[in-house]
Amino acid sequence: MTEKKNIAIIGAGLVGSLLSLYLAKRGYKIDLYERRPDMRVSTLDGGRSINLALSDRGWRALRGIGIEEDVRKVAIPMYGRMMHSENGQLTYQPYGKEGQAIYSVSRAGLNMALMNLSEPNPDINYHFNMQVQDVNLRTNEVYLHNHHSDTDEVIQPELIFGADGAFSMVRNALQKTERFNYQQSYLEYGYKELTIPAAEDGGWLLEKNALHIWPRGNYMMIALPNIDGSFTCTLFFPYEGERSFAAIKNDTDLLNFFLEVFPDAVALMPDLAQEYFCNPTGSLVTIKCFPWSYEDKVLLIGDACHAVVPFYGQGMNAGFEDITVLDKMLDSFDGNWEKLFKEFERKRKPDADAIADLAVMNFIEMRDAVADARFLLRKKVESKISEQYPDKWLPLYGMVTFSDLPYSYALETGRQQDKIMGKIMKHIDTLEDYNKSEVQQLLEEQLVQKEKLKAYQQQEV
């Protein structure tokens, strides 16, 4: 038996709240410190809450603490993308095999559900309105400002988990240590949250079970369904340029722009101007860093150590997978926290970097390629290959979204598949061309090469 330490989790968002449940299940006493007020009793500022796409990795983590079925009751399955062209034409592209879906959930709703599940546990205590000012890594002292009482406080837990998001104050303390590597990169795009309200009868004005995309090359809008019949829309738009946030200065500019590029959406958005000019413009940042820990005292987790842009829908899922990986490692824990932290960060760092790169790649695909006929043909061909060779070809999206294969493996395999598809598509102009003997022979040769490379890599490992 190892000594049960008192643990402070900085940040009571999705990852922090879920982590508290997993640690408490193992007998640890947890205190969570959150800079915001309790969202269950105080309405937070709106306009920055991009709906979440919950997929297999996230469901696995929720299943581990018995909340999966409760969340499914308030999650809407999205079986594919529904693309909206400028003339209003719709094109549907399934995400995976029949029955496979990603699920639209409310960020706040899921966060509150996790809080409600964890708070009755006597080993879990929430402290709201507590903002971290600084962390002394040597002494494990955390300096907090209590916004409710306008006083300063100091705590000294035995272990600190930094789950305080992309702009983590715990990571800020680690950045001041020697040999800490840190990289952040912003896209030249921001996002604005908008709404398509429910129909008068409470139903959905668009197809309910799809993620809607208006791809327009240099920018795009997406919409995810909500339980109440509404859709949460997000406009991804350049900050500067001829068509950008900077170029739209008034209601007329906004209406003219939407009528030209999103005409089928305008009639569905009665509060467009009010939401556009009142809601804040969010930024899109990727953060990579290493190491994620300090001695046997501190560990970063989730966005605090690997924030990603939202275009693969994996930010929350990756953070939840951090927890399931850590929990599995605790099965063989020998009491050496520094060793555990080092093993965890070495295991997760390649996968965190991979999903960060995949998310940026998927942005380009979503805004540009999904509207291209050649791209859609390629996706159909790839689906045929997957059906014909299920043991040799799982599409990249399926590896990321519908499996627990490491993100790093998915990225490398996806690159190999991309090369193969490039060669195959040179011989294909229609789906019927896929069945031609020379195409099948070329495909077989490429798959053999892929299997040889896979075997060589495994031998090297």
Protein backbone atom coordinates (compact mmCIF):
# COMPACT_ATOMS: atom_id res chain seq x y z
CA MET A 1 0.00 0.00 0.00
CA THR A 2 1.25 3.48 -0.84
CA GLU A 3 0.63 6.60 1.21
CA LYS A 4 -2.43 8.53 0.01
CA LYS A 5 -1.40 12.11 -0.66
CA ASN A 6 -3.57 15.21 -0.56
CA ILE A 7 -3.99 16.46 -4.11
CA ALA A 8 -4.88 19.87 -5.52
CA ILE A 9 -6.28 20.07 -9.04
CA ILE A 10 -6.00 23.54 -10.49
CA GLY A 11 -8.93 24.02 -12.86
CA ALA A 12 -12.41 22.51 -12.47
CA GLY A 13 -13.24 22.29 -16.15
CA LEU A 14 -13.95 19.06 -17.97
CA VAL A 15 -10.53 17.46 -17.46
CA GLY A 16 -10.09 18.61 -13.86
CA SER A 17 -13.54 17.44 -12.81
CA LEU A 18 -13.16 14.04 -14.46
CA LEU A 19 -9.66 13.60 -13.03
CA SER A 20 -11.02 14.23 -9.53
CA LEU A 21 -13.45 11.32 -9.94
CA TYR A 22 -10.73 8.93 -11.08
CA LEU A 23 -8.35 9.89 -8.27
CA ALA A 24 -11.03 9.83 -5.58
CA LYS A 25 -11.99 6.35 -6.74
CA ARG A 26 -8.47 5.32 -5.73
CA GLY A 27 -8.83 6.83 -2.26
CA TYR A 28 -7.15 10.23 -2.70
CA LYS A 29 -8.47 13.42 -1.13
CA ILE A 30 -8.98 16.06 -3.84
CA ASP A 31 -9.40 19.83 -3.72
CA LEU A 32 -10.28 21.57 -6.99
CA TYR A 33 -9.57 25.28 -7.41
CA GLU A 34 -11.45 27.14 -10.13
CA ARG A 35 -11.05 30.81 -11.00
CA ARG A 36 -14.64 31.12 -12.29
CA PRO A 37 -17.79 31.05 -10.17
CA ASP A 38 -19.83 27.85 -9.99
CA MET A 39 -21.44 27.59 -13.43
CA ARG A 40 -24.37 25.72 -11.91
CA VAL A 41 -25.52 28.81 -9.99
CA SER A 42 -23.95 31.66 -11.95
CA THR A 43 -24.38 32.19 -15.69
CA LEU A 44 -21.00 32.62 -17.34
CA ASP A 45 -20.29 34.92 -20.26
CA GLY A 46 -21.53 33.35 -23.48
CA GLY A 47 -20.09 33.31 -26.95
CA ARG A 48 -17.01 31.18 -26.42
CA SER A 49 -18.37 27.71 -25.85
CA ILE A 50 -17.82 25.81 -29.13
CA ASN A 51 -19.97 22.67 -28.84
CA LEU A 52 -17.98 19.53 -28.21
CA ALA A 53 -17.78 16.46 -30.43
CA LEU A 54 -17.59 13.49 -28.10
CA SER A 55 -16.09 10.37 -29.70
CA ASP A 56 -14.77 6.95 -28.69
CA ARG A 57 -11.82 8.12 -26.56
CA GLY A 58 -14.06 10.42 -24.55
CA TRP A 59 -16.80 7.82 -24.14
CA ARG A 60 -14.22 5.35 -22.82
CA ALA A 61 -13.21 7.79 -20.09
CA LEU A 62 -16.83 8.49 -19.11
CA ARG A 63 -17.55 4.76 -19.06
CA GLY A 64 -14.73 4.31 -16.55
CA ILE A 65 -16.61 6.30 -13.90
CA GLY A 66 -20.10 5.15 -14.86
CA ILE A 67 -21.50 8.31 -16.43
CA GLU A 68 -21.61 7.19 -20.07
CA GLU A 69 -25.33 6.36 -20.22
CA ASP A 70 -26.35 9.60 -18.49
CA VAL A 71 -24.39 11.66 -21.01
CA ARG A 72 -25.80 9.73 -23.97
CA LYS A 73 -29.25 10.97 -22.96
CA VAL A 74 -28.22 14.56 -23.71
CA ALA A 75 -25.85 13.88 -26.64
CA ILE A 76 -26.93 13.98 -30.28
CA PRO A 77 -25.27 11.54 -32.71
CA MET A 78 -23.84 13.08 -35.89
CA TYR A 79 -23.30 10.36 -38.48
CA GLY A 80 -21.58 12.54 -41.05
CA ARG A 81 -20.86 15.96 -42.53
CA MET A 82 -23.55 17.88 -44.38
CA MET A 83 -21.85 20.33 -46.75
CA HIS A 84 -23.73 23.47 -47.83
CA SER A 85 -22.66 25.00 -51.16
CA GLU A 86 -23.09 28.68 -51.99
CA ASN A 87 -26.17 27.89 -54.07
CA GLY A 88 -27.73 25.91 -51.22
CA GLN A 89 -26.97 22.44 -52.58
CA LEU A 90 -26.40 19.80 -49.88
CA THR A 91 -23.79 17.03 -50.02
CA TYR A 92 -23.56 14.38 -47.33
CA GLN A 93 -20.39 12.50 -46.35
CA PRO A 94 -20.62 9.79 -43.65
CA TYR A 95 -17.93 9.83 -40.96
CA GLY A 96 -17.38 6.11 -40.76
CA LYS A 97 -19.16 2.81 -41.14
CA GLU A 98 -22.91 2.56 -40.76
CA GLY A 99 -23.91 3.39 -37.21
CA GLN A 100 -20.66 5.17 -36.32
CA ALA A 101 -21.11 8.72 -35.09
CA ILE A 102 -19.54 11.54 -33.17
CA TYR A 103 -21.81 13.16 -30.57
CA SER A 104 -22.70 16.81 -30.09
CA VAL A 105 -22.72 17.75 -26.40
CA SER A 106 -22.89 21.00 -24.51
CA ARG A 107 -19.56 21.92 -22.92
CA ALA A 108 -21.27 23.54 -19.94
CA GLY A 109 -23.82 20.75 -19.65
CA LEU A 110 -21.15 18.06 -19.53
CA ASN A 111 -19.03 20.08 -17.10
CA MET A 112 -22.00 20.52 -14.75
CA ALA A 113 -22.82 16.81 -14.99
CA LEU A 114 -19.27 15.92 -13.92
CA MET A 115 -19.44 18.42 -11.05
CA ASN A 116 -22.78 17.04 -9.88
CA LEU A 117 -21.36 13.53 -9.96
CA SER A 118 -18.20 14.37 -8.06
CA GLU A 119 -19.33 16.93 -5.50
CA PRO A 120 -21.29 14.47 -3.25
CA ASN A 121 -18.07 12.49 -2.80
CA PRO A 122 -16.65 13.47 0.63
CA ASP A 123 -13.11 13.20 -0.76
CA ILE A 124 -13.76 15.84 -3.45
CA ASN A 125 -14.07 19.54 -2.59
CA TYR A 126 -14.64 22.39 -5.04
CA HIS A 127 -13.33 25.91 -4.39
CA PHE A 128 -14.74 28.48 -6.83
CA ASN A 129 -13.67 32.08 -7.51
CA MET A 130 -10.10 31.07 -6.67
CA GLN A 131 -7.57 32.40 -9.17
CA VAL A 132 -3.97 31.22 -9.14
CA GLN A 133 -1.49 34.09 -8.90
CA ASP A 134 1.69 32.04 -8.70
CA VAL A 135 3.07 28.58 -7.88
CA ASN A 136 6.27 27.97 -5.91
CA LEU A 137 7.48 24.68 -7.34
CA ARG A 138 10.16 24.21 -4.70
CA THR A 139 7.74 24.39 -1.76
CA ASN A 140 4.51 23.39 -3.56
CA GLU A 141 2.84 26.58 -2.35
CA VAL A 142 0.03 27.88 -4.55
CA TYR A 143 -0.85 31.56 -4.16
CA LEU A 144 -4.53 32.22 -4.80
CA HIS A 145 -6.80 35.25 -4.93
CA ASN A 146 -10.34 34.68 -3.66
CA HIS A 147 -12.55 36.85 -5.86
CA HIS A 148 -15.56 36.24 -3.65
CA SER A 149 -13.98 37.68 -0.50
CA ASP A 150 -11.28 39.73 -2.29
CA THR A 151 -8.57 38.14 -0.14
CA ASP A 152 -5.34 36.27 -0.87
CA GLU A 153 -4.74 32.71 0.28
CA VAL A 154 -1.90 30.19 0.17
CA ILE A 155 -2.30 26.41 -0.01
CA GLN A 156 0.39 23.73 0.16
CA PRO A 157 -0.87 20.41 -1.24
CA GLU A 158 1.39 17.40 -1.55
CA LEU A 159 0.63 16.99 -5.28
CA ILE A 160 -0.53 19.54 -7.86
CA PHE A 161 -2.25 18.66 -11.10
CA GLY A 162 -2.41 21.55 -13.55
CA ALA A 163 -5.68 21.18 -15.46
CA ASP A 164 -6.13 24.90 -15.94
CA GLY A 165 -6.28 25.04 -19.72
CA ALA A 166 -4.33 26.56 -22.57
CA PHE A 167 -3.23 29.59 -20.54
CA SER A 168 -2.29 27.55 -17.49
CA MET A 169 -0.76 29.34 -14.51
CA VAL A 170 0.76 26.06 -13.34
CA ARG A 171 2.53 25.70 -16.69
CA ASN A 172 3.59 29.34 -16.38
CA ALA A 173 5.56 28.36 -13.26
CA LEU A 174 7.17 25.43 -15.09
CA GLN A 175 8.19 27.75 -17.93
CA LYS A 176 10.47 29.56 -15.53
CA THR A 177 12.51 26.40 -14.87
CA GLU A 178 15.61 25.41 -16.81
CA ARG A 179 15.35 23.22 -19.93
CA PHE A 180 11.60 23.70 -20.25
CA ASN A 181 10.57 23.78 -23.91
CA TYR A 182 7.50 25.75 -24.87
CA GLN A 183 5.89 26.56 -28.21
CA GLN A 184 2.64 28.30 -29.02
CA SER A 185 1.28 29.08 -32.47
CA TYR A 186 -1.88 30.94 -33.39
CA LEU A 187 -3.83 30.52 -36.59
CA GLU A 188 -4.50 33.74 -38.47
CA TYR A 189 -8.15 32.96 -37.83
CA GLY A 190 -10.52 33.65 -34.98
CA TYR A 191 -13.97 32.28 -34.29
CA LYS A 192 -17.35 33.77 -33.50
CA GLU A 193 -20.21 31.82 -31.98
CA LEU A 194 -23.65 32.27 -33.56
CA THR A 195 -27.00 30.49 -33.26
CA ILE A 196 -29.70 28.90 -35.40
CA PRO A 197 -32.70 28.76 -33.01
CA ALA A 198 -35.16 25.91 -32.81
CA ALA A 199 -38.26 25.79 -35.00
CA GLU A 200 -41.54 27.02 -33.53
CA ASP A 201 -42.52 23.43 -32.69
CA GLY A 202 -39.17 22.85 -30.93
CA GLY A 203 -37.70 20.82 -33.76
CA TRP A 204 -34.53 21.32 -35.79
CA LEU A 205 -34.46 23.56 -38.88
CA LEU A 206 -31.58 21.54 -40.39
CA GLU A 207 -30.80 17.82 -40.45
CA LYS A 208 -30.42 16.93 -36.79
CA ASN A 209 -27.93 14.04 -37.03
CA ALA A 210 -25.14 15.76 -38.97
CA LEU A 211 -22.38 18.28 -38.47
CA HIS A 212 -23.15 21.05 -40.95
CA ILE A 213 -20.31 22.78 -42.80
CA TRP A 214 -20.36 25.79 -45.10
CA PRO A 215 -16.84 25.44 -46.64
CA ARG A 216 -15.69 28.56 -48.47
CA GLY A 217 -11.97 28.11 -49.12
CA ASN A 218 -10.42 30.76 -46.92
CA TYR A 219 -13.04 30.52 -44.18
CA MET A 220 -16.02 28.43 -43.12
CA MET A 221 -18.97 28.11 -40.79
CA ILE A 222 -20.07 24.97 -38.94
CA ALA A 223 -23.21 24.10 -36.97
CA LEU A 224 -23.74 21.41 -34.30
CA PRO A 225 -27.17 20.36 -33.03
CA ASN A 226 -28.43 20.91 -29.49
CA ILE A 227 -31.05 18.97 -27.54
CA ASP A 228 -33.42 21.98 -27.47
CA GLY A 229 -33.69 22.06 -31.28
CA SER A 230 -31.17 24.85 -31.82
CA PHE A 231 -27.78 24.69 -33.53
CA THR A 232 -24.60 26.24 -32.19
CA CYS A 233 -22.84 27.79 -35.18
CA THR A 234 -19.21 28.83 -35.30
CA LEU A 235 -17.80 31.15 -37.94
CA PHE A 236 -14.05 30.60 -38.50
CA PHE A 237 -12.81 33.76 -40.17
CA PRO A 238 -9.49 35.54 -40.82
CA TYR A 239 -8.67 38.43 -38.51
CA GLU A 240 -7.46 40.63 -41.37
CA GLY A 241 -8.02 40.89 -45.12
CA GLU A 242 -10.68 41.67 -47.71
CA ARG A 243 -13.08 39.20 -46.11
CA SER A 244 -12.33 39.12 -42.42
CA PHE A 245 -13.44 40.25 -38.99
CA ALA A 246 -11.68 43.56 -39.65
CA ALA A 247 -13.63 44.13 -42.88
CA ILE A 248 -17.12 43.73 -41.38
CA LYS A 249 -17.83 46.97 -39.57
CA ASN A 250 -21.63 47.24 -39.41
CA ASP A 251 -24.93 45.40 -39.89
CA THR A 252 -25.00 46.11 -43.63
CA ASP A 253 -21.52 44.68 -44.19
CA LEU A 254 -22.51 41.59 -42.23
CA LEU A 255 -25.81 40.99 -44.01
CA ASN A 256 -24.30 41.50 -47.48
CA PHE A 257 -21.50 39.08 -46.68
CA PHE A 258 -23.81 36.36 -45.34
CA LEU A 259 -26.28 36.75 -48.22
CA GLU A 260 -23.43 36.21 -50.65
CA VAL A 261 -21.57 33.32 -49.03
CA PHE A 262 -24.02 31.65 -46.59
CA PRO A 263 -27.38 32.47 -48.24
CA ASP A 264 -29.26 29.39 -47.01
CA ALA A 265 -28.29 30.17 -43.40
CA VAL A 266 -29.35 33.83 -43.25
CA ALA A 267 -33.09 33.17 -42.96
CA LEU A 268 -32.39 30.73 -40.11
CA MET A 269 -30.43 33.27 -37.99
CA PRO A 270 -32.79 36.05 -36.79
CA ASP A 271 -30.29 37.30 -34.18
CA LEU A 272 -27.27 37.22 -36.50
CA ALA A 273 -26.23 40.87 -36.17
CA GLN A 274 -26.75 41.06 -32.40
CA GLU A 275 -24.76 37.88 -31.78
CA TYR A 276 -22.02 38.76 -34.24
CA PHE A 277 -21.30 42.16 -32.74
CA CYS A 278 -21.91 41.22 -29.07
CA ASN A 279 -20.18 37.85 -28.85
CA PRO A 280 -16.41 37.91 -28.37
CA THR A 281 -13.97 36.78 -31.05
CA GLY A 282 -12.06 33.74 -29.82
CA SER A 283 -8.50 32.85 -30.82
CA LEU A 284 -7.21 29.49 -32.07
CA VAL A 285 -3.96 28.38 -30.47
CA THR A 286 -1.82 25.25 -30.50
CA ILE A 287 0.45 24.74 -27.49
CA LYS A 288 3.25 22.21 -27.19
CA CYS A 289 5.63 21.92 -24.25
CA PHE A 290 7.90 19.53 -22.40
CA PRO A 291 8.40 18.30 -19.72
CA TRP A 292 4.91 18.17 -18.29
CA SER A 293 6.03 17.54 -14.72
CA TYR A 294 8.28 18.87 -11.98
CA GLU A 295 9.96 16.30 -9.74
CA ASP A 296 7.37 14.37 -7.73
CA LYS A 297 5.19 17.42 -7.11
CA VAL A 298 3.48 18.72 -10.25
CA LEU A 299 1.94 17.29 -13.42
CA LEU A 300 0.22 19.12 -16.27
CA ILE A 301 -2.71 17.43 -17.98
CA GLY A 302 -5.11 18.23 -20.84
CA ASP A 303 -4.94 21.62 -22.56
CA ALA A 304 -2.42 22.85 -20.00
CA CYS A 305 0.25 20.79 -21.76
CA HIS A 306 -1.22 20.16 -25.23
CA ALA A 307 -3.88 22.64 -26.35
CA VAL A 308 -5.09 22.01 -29.91
CA VAL A 309 -7.36 23.79 -32.37
CA PRO A 310 -10.88 22.29 -32.54
CA PHE A 311 -10.96 20.97 -36.11
CA TYR A 312 -10.66 17.27 -35.33
CA GLY A 313 -13.02 17.49 -32.38
CA GLN A 314 -10.36 15.87 -30.22
CA GLY A 315 -9.35 18.48 -27.64
CA MET A 316 -11.63 17.18 -24.89
CA ASN A 317 -11.27 13.59 -26.07
CA ALA A 318 -7.46 13.84 -25.87
CA GLY A 319 -7.66 15.35 -22.38
CA PHE A 320 -9.99 12.57 -21.25
CA GLU A 321 -7.63 10.00 -22.76
CA ASP A 322 -4.82 11.51 -20.67
CA ILE A 323 -6.83 10.50 -17.63
CA THR A 324 -7.54 6.93 -18.75
CA VAL A 325 -3.84 6.44 -19.61
CA LEU A 326 -2.77 7.82 -16.22
CA ASP A 327 -5.38 5.71 -14.43
CA LYS A 328 -4.13 2.55 -16.11
CA MET A 329 -0.57 3.39 -15.08
CA LEU A 330 -1.75 3.77 -11.49
CA ASP A 331 -2.72 0.06 -11.53
CA SER A 332 0.98 -0.79 -11.21
CA PHE A 333 1.99 2.31 -9.23
CA ASP A 334 4.79 1.66 -6.73
CA GLY A 335 4.56 4.95 -4.84
CA ASN A 336 7.22 6.79 -6.88
CA TRP A 337 5.34 9.82 -8.22
CA GLU A 338 8.30 11.29 -10.08
CA LYS A 339 8.79 8.02 -11.97
CA LEU A 340 5.06 7.85 -12.75
CA PHE A 341 4.99 11.43 -14.03
CA LYS A 342 8.06 10.85 -16.24
CA GLU A 343 6.62 7.67 -17.72
CA PHE A 344 3.27 9.36 -18.35
CA GLU A 345 4.70 12.37 -20.15
CA ARG A 346 7.02 10.23 -22.28
CA LYS A 347 4.09 8.05 -23.30
CA ARG A 348 1.65 10.86 -24.09
CA LYS A 349 3.89 13.54 -25.62
CA PRO A 350 4.18 11.94 -29.13
CA ASP A 351 0.42 11.45 -29.26
CA ALA A 352 -0.29 14.99 -28.06
CA ASP A 353 1.98 16.42 -30.77
CA ALA A 354 0.35 14.20 -33.38
CA ILE A 355 -3.24 15.28 -32.65
CA ALA A 356 -2.11 18.91 -32.65
CA ASP A 357 -0.75 18.49 -36.18
CA LEU A 358 -3.79 16.48 -37.30
CA ALA A 359 -6.16 19.20 -36.06
CA VAL A 360 -4.50 21.88 -38.19
CA MET A 361 -4.47 19.53 -41.19
CA ASN A 362 -8.19 18.87 -40.76
CA PHE A 363 -8.93 22.60 -40.76
CA ILE A 364 -7.55 22.83 -44.28
CA GLU A 365 -9.62 19.81 -45.31
CA MET A 366 -12.83 21.15 -43.79
CA ARG A 367 -12.65 24.67 -45.23
CA ASP A 368 -11.32 23.68 -48.69
CA ALA A 369 -11.42 20.04 -49.69
CA VAL A 370 -14.87 18.91 -48.54
CA ALA A 371 -16.45 21.04 -51.25
CA ASP A 372 -14.21 19.59 -53.98
CA ALA A 373 -15.69 16.87 -56.21
CA ARG A 374 -12.30 15.20 -56.61
CA PHE A 375 -11.87 15.02 -52.83
CA LEU A 376 -15.32 13.49 -52.39
CA LEU A 377 -14.51 10.86 -55.03
CA ARG A 378 -11.28 10.07 -53.21
CA LYS A 379 -13.18 9.57 -49.96
CA LYS A 380 -15.57 7.15 -51.68
CA VAL A 381 -12.65 5.20 -53.13
CA GLU A 382 -10.97 5.07 -49.72
CA SER A 383 -14.21 3.75 -48.23
CA LYS A 384 -14.24 1.00 -50.87
CA ILE A 385 -10.64 0.07 -50.02
CA SER A 386 -11.51 -0.10 -46.33
CA GLU A 387 -14.47 -2.40 -47.05
CA GLN A 388 -12.33 -4.63 -49.27
CA TYR A 389 -9.28 -4.74 -46.98
CA PRO A 390 -10.62 -4.12 -43.43
CA ASP A 391 -7.55 -5.68 -41.80
CA LYS A 392 -5.13 -3.54 -43.81
CA TRP A 393 -6.87 -0.19 -44.24
CA LEU A 394 -8.62 1.84 -41.56
CA PRO A 395 -9.09 5.43 -42.78
CA LEU A 396 -7.29 8.15 -40.84
CA TYR A 397 -10.52 9.69 -39.54
CA GLY A 398 -11.60 6.28 -38.24
CA MET A 399 -8.27 5.72 -36.49
CA VAL A 400 -8.52 9.08 -34.72
CA THR A 401 -12.23 9.10 -33.95
CA PHE A 402 -13.47 5.52 -33.71
CA SER A 403 -10.51 3.69 -32.16
CA ASP A 404 -8.00 3.93 -29.32
CA LEU A 405 -5.00 3.58 -31.61
CA PRO A 406 -2.30 6.08 -30.58
CA TYR A 407 -2.64 9.44 -32.32
CA SER A 408 1.01 9.18 -33.37
CA TYR A 409 0.34 5.84 -35.07
CA ALA A 410 -2.71 7.31 -36.82
CA LEU A 411 -0.71 10.27 -38.11
CA GLU A 412 2.13 8.14 -39.51
CA THR A 413 -0.25 5.57 -41.03
CA GLY A 414 -2.34 8.38 -42.50
CA ARG A 415 0.74 9.78 -44.22
CA GLN A 416 1.46 6.38 -45.76
CA GLN A 417 -2.14 6.05 -46.90
CA ASP A 418 -2.06 9.54 -48.39
CA LYS A 419 0.88 8.54 -50.58
CA ILE A 420 -0.93 5.38 -51.69
CA MET A 421 -4.12 7.29 -52.48
CA GLY A 422 -2.15 9.83 -54.49
CA LYS A 423 -0.87 7.04 -56.74
CA ILE A 424 -4.25 5.30 -56.99
CA MET A 425 -6.20 8.47 -57.83
CA LYS A 426 -4.00 9.13 -60.86
CA HIS A 427 -5.80 6.17 -62.47
CA ILE A 428 -9.35 6.97 -61.33
CA ASP A 429 -11.86 9.45 -62.71
CA THR A 430 -15.05 7.72 -61.56
CA LEU A 431 -15.92 5.23 -58.85
CA GLU A 432 -16.29 2.54 -61.53
CA ASP A 433 -12.60 2.95 -62.44
CA TYR A 434 -11.71 1.55 -59.01
CA ASN A 435 -12.68 -1.96 -60.13
CA LYS A 436 -10.32 -2.00 -63.12
CA SER A 437 -7.65 -4.69 -62.96
CA GLU A 438 -4.67 -2.33 -63.29
CA VAL A 439 -5.94 -0.21 -60.39
CA GLN A 440 -6.46 -3.28 -58.22
CA GLN A 441 -2.97 -4.56 -59.06
CA LEU A 442 -1.43 -1.20 -58.17
CA LEU A 443 -3.38 -1.13 -54.92
CA GLU A 444 -2.25 -4.64 -53.99
CA GLU A 445 1.37 -3.68 -54.61
CA GLN A 446 1.03 -0.56 -52.47
CA LEU A 447 -0.63 -2.45 -49.63
CA VAL A 448 2.15 -5.05 -49.66
CA GLN A 449 4.72 -2.27 -49.38
CA LYS A 450 2.74 -0.71 -46.52
CA GLU A 451 2.64 -4.04 -44.64
CA LYS A 452 6.40 -4.53 -45.14
CA LEU A 453 7.09 -1.07 -43.74
CA LYS A 454 4.80 -1.72 -40.78
CA ALA A 455 6.57 -5.02 -40.04
CA TYR A 456 10.00 -3.31 -40.28
CA GLN A 457 8.92 -0.54 -37.90
CA GLN A 458 7.63 -3.06 -35.37
CA GLN A 459 10.90 -4.98 -35.61
CA GLU A 460 12.85 -1.79 -34.98
CA VAL A 461 10.76 -1.05 -31.88
